[in-house]
Amino acid sequence: MASLSDDSAPMLRRTWCSVDKLLSQRKARRWLQRVEHLELVVALGEAVVKSGKVLEDLCCQCGRGLLLSLLTLLSLLSLLTLLSLLSLLTLLTLLSLLTLLTLLSLLSLLTLLSLLSLLTLLTLLSLLTLLTLLSLLTLLTLLTLLTLLSLLSLLTLLTLLSLLSLLTLLTLLTLLSLLSLLTLLSLLSLLTLLSLLSLLTLLTLLSLLSLLTLLTLLTLLSLLSLLTLLTLLSLLTLLTLLTLLTLSSQRPPGPWSPSSGTK
């Protein structure tokens, strides 16, 4: 439009000069005023086009700023989610470590209990052996005494009375031996029960060991997930830096010349 106005203005002026020669001065002035009005309209159009171009540049810059803000908000949200996941993973690792410590303490307690049970078994066995030896010795002594009393009974009646007393003593001793045997049987039953309890403790220890292995596997998986999350964080930071660098490297477009119609 500007090129048309620049080319047409002198042509019109020349024609109107020739018309001015032909027509009166009043008509020529009117035509010249109309030409000036046309030039003003063309100048106003150029100003409107320039203002539109400026508005277009401003809109482009605003759109780029909005895109940058959205990208930064998305990167911040992703960083917050990753930090929350890291905190959860650290809590899980701490819980797994606490469970491992508790299981180790339980294992130590079970080992102590097993050792105590073995010591009690050994002491009971030693007591049983001592009691059996004492019972055998008492039986042998009683047999010797009976033989001696039988020989002495032929000699005197007094010895018979003594033998009767000794027999009563022997019966009492036999009763005591029977009681000792019953106690030994009860102790043996207790020993069997203790052995069964020790076997149960061993089974529980094996189950606890399996649980420990499972917990170690879970801790290894949590560490692997932590490593993957750290790699994702590094990648996200690199992507955000690249986007910021690319957006900062992009320059705004130059001014628009209405004569050429290009940027």
Protein backbone atom coordinates (compact mmCIF):
# COMPACT_ATOMS: atom_id res chain seq x y z
CA MET A 1 0.00 0.00 0.00
CA ALA A 2 2.87 2.34 0.78
CA SER A 3 4.50 1.65 -2.60
CA LEU A 4 1.22 2.38 -4.37
CA SER A 5 0.82 5.64 -2.47
CA ASP A 6 4.41 6.69 -3.24
CA ASP A 7 4.00 5.95 -6.96
CA SER A 8 0.52 7.37 -7.35
CA ALA A 9 1.01 10.67 -5.50
CA PRO A 10 3.25 12.43 -8.10
CA MET A 11 1.17 11.06 -10.95
CA LEU A 12 -1.96 12.45 -9.40
CA ARG A 13 -0.26 15.75 -8.74
CA ARG A 14 0.85 16.00 -12.35
CA THR A 15 -2.60 15.17 -13.65
CA TRP A 16 -4.17 17.63 -11.30
CA CYS A 17 -1.75 20.30 -12.41
CA SER A 18 -2.94 19.76 -15.96
CA VAL A 19 -6.51 19.76 -14.71
CA ASP A 20 -5.81 22.94 -12.78
CA LYS A 21 -4.80 24.54 -15.98
CA LEU A 22 -8.02 23.44 -17.60
CA LEU A 23 -10.42 23.95 -14.72
CA SER A 24 -10.77 26.71 -12.27
CA GLN A 25 -8.65 27.15 -9.17
CA ARG A 26 -11.53 26.22 -6.88
CA LYS A 27 -12.06 22.79 -8.37
CA ALA A 28 -8.30 22.16 -8.35
CA ARG A 29 -8.08 22.96 -4.64
CA ARG A 30 -10.91 20.52 -3.90
CA TRP A 31 -9.17 17.74 -5.80
CA LEU A 32 -5.87 18.48 -4.06
CA GLN A 33 -7.60 18.29 -0.64
CA ARG A 34 -9.07 14.90 -1.61
CA VAL A 35 -5.56 13.66 -2.57
CA GLU A 36 -4.18 14.82 0.77
CA HIS A 37 -7.02 13.00 2.54
CA LEU A 38 -6.13 9.85 0.63
CA GLU A 39 -2.48 10.18 1.67
CA LEU A 40 -3.57 10.57 5.31
CA VAL A 41 -5.74 7.44 5.03
CA VAL A 42 -2.78 5.49 3.58
CA ALA A 43 -0.51 6.69 6.43
CA LEU A 44 -3.14 5.65 9.00
CA GLY A 45 -3.33 2.20 7.37
CA GLU A 46 0.44 1.82 7.58
CA ALA A 47 0.35 2.80 11.28
CA VAL A 48 -2.42 0.25 11.92
CA VAL A 49 -0.39 -2.48 10.16
CA LYS A 50 2.71 -1.61 12.20
CA SER A 51 0.71 -1.69 15.46
CA GLY A 52 -0.72 -5.09 14.45
CA LYS A 53 2.79 -6.42 13.85
CA VAL A 54 3.92 -5.13 17.26
CA LEU A 55 0.91 -6.80 18.88
CA GLU A 56 1.74 -10.04 17.07
CA ASP A 57 5.33 -9.91 18.39
CA LEU A 58 4.07 -9.26 21.92
CA CYS A 59 1.66 -12.23 21.68
CA CYS A 60 4.50 -14.50 20.52
CA GLN A 61 6.70 -13.39 23.40
CA CYS A 62 3.85 -13.92 25.90
CA GLY A 63 3.24 -17.43 24.50
CA ARG A 64 6.91 -18.29 24.89
CA GLY A 65 6.90 -17.02 28.47
CA LEU A 66 3.83 -19.12 29.25
CA LEU A 67 5.51 -22.20 27.76
CA LEU A 68 8.63 -21.58 29.85
CA SER A 69 6.56 -21.19 33.02
CA LEU A 70 4.61 -24.39 32.26
CA LEU A 71 7.83 -26.33 31.65
CA THR A 72 9.35 -25.06 34.90
CA LEU A 73 6.18 -25.96 36.82
CA LEU A 74 6.19 -29.47 35.35
CA SER A 75 9.87 -29.93 36.23
CA LEU A 76 9.22 -28.73 39.79
CA LEU A 77 6.27 -31.13 40.17
CA SER A 78 8.36 -34.03 38.88
CA LEU A 79 11.17 -33.11 41.29
CA LEU A 80 8.71 -32.99 44.21
CA THR A 81 7.28 -36.40 43.32
CA LEU A 82 10.77 -37.87 43.04
CA LEU A 83 11.74 -36.40 46.41
CA SER A 84 8.61 -37.92 48.00
CA LEU A 85 9.46 -41.29 46.47
CA LEU A 86 13.01 -41.02 47.78
CA SER A 87 11.73 -40.27 51.30
CA LEU A 88 9.40 -43.29 51.13
CA LEU A 89 12.23 -45.52 49.98
CA THR A 90 14.48 -44.30 52.79
CA LEU A 91 11.72 -45.04 55.30
CA LEU A 92 11.32 -48.55 53.85
CA THR A 93 15.06 -49.18 54.08
CA LEU A 94 15.08 -48.01 57.71
CA LEU A 95 12.17 -50.32 58.52
CA SER A 96 13.91 -53.24 56.85
CA LEU A 97 17.07 -52.51 58.85
CA LEU A 98 15.07 -52.39 62.08
CA THR A 99 13.43 -55.71 61.27
CA LEU A 100 16.83 -57.21 60.52
CA LEU A 101 18.14 -56.01 63.87
CA THR A 102 15.13 -57.44 65.70
CA LEU A 103 15.54 -60.75 63.91
CA LEU A 104 19.22 -60.87 64.82
CA SER A 105 18.36 -60.22 68.46
CA LEU A 106 15.77 -62.98 68.34
CA LEU A 107 18.32 -65.34 66.83
CA SER A 108 20.80 -64.54 69.60
CA LEU A 109 18.12 -65.18 72.22
CA LEU A 110 17.19 -68.48 70.61
CA THR A 111 20.81 -69.57 70.51
CA LEU A 112 21.17 -68.74 74.19
CA LEU A 113 18.03 -70.72 74.98
CA SER A 114 19.30 -73.70 73.01
CA LEU A 115 22.62 -73.57 74.87
CA LEU A 116 20.82 -73.42 78.20
CA SER A 117 18.66 -76.38 77.23
CA LEU A 118 21.75 -78.39 76.29
CA LEU A 119 23.41 -77.54 79.59
CA THR A 120 20.32 -78.61 81.51
CA LEU A 121 20.22 -81.87 79.57
CA LEU A 122 23.85 -82.58 80.39
CA THR A 123 23.34 -81.85 84.08
CA LEU A 124 20.28 -84.09 84.21
CA LEU A 125 22.16 -86.91 82.53
CA SER A 126 25.02 -86.58 84.98
CA LEU A 127 22.59 -86.66 87.91
CA LEU A 128 20.89 -89.74 86.52
CA THR A 129 24.19 -91.56 86.14
CA LEU A 130 25.15 -90.69 89.70
CA LEU A 131 21.81 -91.92 91.03
CA THR A 132 22.09 -95.19 89.16
CA LEU A 133 25.58 -95.77 90.51
CA LEU A 134 24.44 -95.05 94.05
CA SER A 135 21.49 -97.40 93.70
CA LEU A 136 23.75 -100.18 92.44
CA LEU A 137 26.15 -99.67 95.28
CA THR A 138 23.36 -99.74 97.83
CA LEU A 139 21.95 -102.93 96.34
CA LEU A 140 25.33 -104.62 96.49
CA THR A 141 25.86 -103.61 100.06
CA LEU A 142 22.41 -104.85 100.98
CA LEU A 143 23.06 -108.18 99.37
CA THR A 144 26.25 -108.59 101.30
CA LEU A 145 24.49 -107.69 104.49
CA LEU A 146 21.74 -110.21 103.80
CA THR A 147 24.24 -112.96 103.31
CA LEU A 148 25.94 -112.08 106.54
CA LEU A 149 22.64 -111.90 108.40
CA SER A 150 21.55 -115.26 107.06
CA LEU A 151 24.70 -116.78 108.45
CA LEU A 152 24.25 -115.02 111.76
CA SER A 153 20.57 -116.04 112.03
CA LEU A 154 21.58 -119.60 112.54
CA LEU A 155 23.58 -118.52 115.51
CA THR A 156 21.20 -116.37 117.53
CA LEU A 157 17.61 -115.14 117.71
CA LEU A 158 18.81 -111.69 118.33
CA THR A 159 20.44 -111.66 115.02
CA LEU A 160 17.06 -112.68 113.56
CA LEU A 161 15.48 -109.60 114.99
CA SER A 162 18.26 -107.54 113.56
CA LEU A 163 17.72 -109.22 110.25
CA LEU A 164 14.05 -108.37 110.38
CA SER A 165 14.95 -104.79 110.98
CA LEU A 166 17.40 -104.93 108.15
CA LEU A 167 14.72 -106.40 105.91
CA THR A 168 12.46 -103.55 106.72
CA LEU A 169 15.28 -101.24 105.85
CA LEU A 170 15.79 -103.08 102.60
CA THR A 171 12.15 -102.77 101.72
CA LEU A 172 12.35 -99.11 102.41
CA LEU A 173 15.43 -98.86 100.24
CA THR A 174 13.75 -100.78 97.45
CA LEU A 175 10.82 -98.44 97.69
CA LEU A 176 13.24 -95.57 97.53
CA SER A 177 14.94 -97.13 94.52
CA LEU A 178 11.56 -97.55 92.83
CA LEU A 179 10.79 -93.94 93.55
CA SER A 180 14.18 -92.98 92.15
CA LEU A 181 13.42 -95.01 89.04
CA LEU A 182 10.10 -93.25 88.68
CA THR A 183 11.84 -89.92 89.05
CA LEU A 184 14.36 -90.99 86.43
CA LEU A 185 11.53 -91.88 84.06
CA SER A 186 9.93 -88.50 84.68
CA LEU A 187 13.28 -86.83 84.04
CA LEU A 188 13.63 -88.78 80.81
CA SER A 189 10.20 -87.61 79.72
CA LEU A 190 11.22 -84.07 80.56
CA LEU A 191 14.37 -84.52 78.51
CA THR A 192 12.35 -85.73 75.54
CA LEU A 193 10.09 -82.72 75.88
CA LEU A 194 13.11 -80.44 76.00
CA SER A 195 14.54 -82.08 72.90
CA LEU A 196 11.23 -81.54 71.10
CA LEU A 197 11.28 -77.89 72.18
CA SER A 198 14.83 -77.53 70.87
CA LEU A 199 13.72 -78.99 67.52
CA LEU A 200 10.86 -76.51 67.40
CA THR A 201 13.28 -73.67 68.13
CA LEU A 202 15.52 -74.87 65.31
CA LEU A 203 12.55 -74.88 62.94
CA THR A 204 11.65 -71.34 64.01
CA LEU A 205 15.26 -70.30 63.44
CA LEU A 206 15.14 -71.71 59.92
CA SER A 207 11.91 -69.81 59.22
CA LEU A 208 13.49 -66.62 60.57
CA LEU A 209 16.51 -67.15 58.33
CA SER A 210 14.22 -67.46 55.32
CA LEU A 211 12.51 -64.23 56.36
CA LEU A 212 15.91 -62.55 56.65
CA THR A 213 16.81 -63.62 53.13
CA LEU A 214 13.51 -62.22 51.85
CA LEU A 215 14.17 -58.94 53.65
CA THR A 216 17.65 -58.70 52.18
CA LEU A 217 16.18 -59.23 48.72
CA LEU A 218 13.64 -56.48 49.39
CA THR A 219 16.40 -54.10 50.51
CA LEU A 220 18.35 -54.86 47.34
CA LEU A 221 15.25 -54.12 45.24
CA SER A 222 14.73 -50.83 47.12
CA LEU A 223 18.37 -49.85 46.46
CA LEU A 224 17.92 -50.62 42.75
CA SER A 225 14.77 -48.48 42.67
CA LEU A 226 16.72 -45.66 44.38
CA LEU A 227 19.41 -45.84 41.71
CA THR A 228 16.80 -45.73 38.94
CA LEU A 229 15.10 -42.75 40.55
CA LEU A 230 18.43 -40.90 40.81
CA THR A 231 19.09 -41.53 37.13
CA LEU A 232 15.61 -40.25 36.29
CA LEU A 233 16.30 -37.12 38.36
CA SER A 234 19.54 -36.48 36.50
CA LEU A 235 17.78 -36.96 33.15
CA LEU A 236 14.98 -34.58 34.13
CA THR A 237 17.48 -31.92 35.25
CA LEU A 238 19.37 -32.29 31.96
CA LEU A 239 16.13 -31.96 29.98
CA THR A 240 15.11 -28.83 31.90
CA LEU A 241 18.55 -27.29 31.34
CA LEU A 242 18.38 -28.09 27.62
CA THR A 243 14.91 -26.57 27.29
CA LEU A 244 16.03 -23.43 29.12
CA LEU A 245 19.12 -23.12 26.92
CA THR A 246 17.12 -23.57 23.72
CA LEU A 247 14.49 -21.05 24.77
CA SER A 248 17.15 -18.51 25.80
CA SER A 249 19.07 -19.00 22.53
CA GLN A 250 15.97 -18.24 20.43
CA ARG A 251 16.05 -14.48 19.57
CA PRO A 252 12.87 -12.43 19.07
CA PRO A 253 12.06 -11.55 15.39
CA GLY A 254 13.27 -8.23 13.91
CA PRO A 255 11.05 -5.24 13.04
CA TRP A 256 8.79 -5.46 9.98
CA SER A 257 9.28 -2.95 7.19
CA PRO A 258 6.01 -2.17 5.39
CA SER A 259 7.81 -1.24 2.16
CA SER A 260 9.37 -4.68 1.61
CA GLY A 261 6.74 -6.78 3.43
CA THR A 262 9.43 -8.97 5.08
CA LYS A 263 10.92 -9.27 8.59
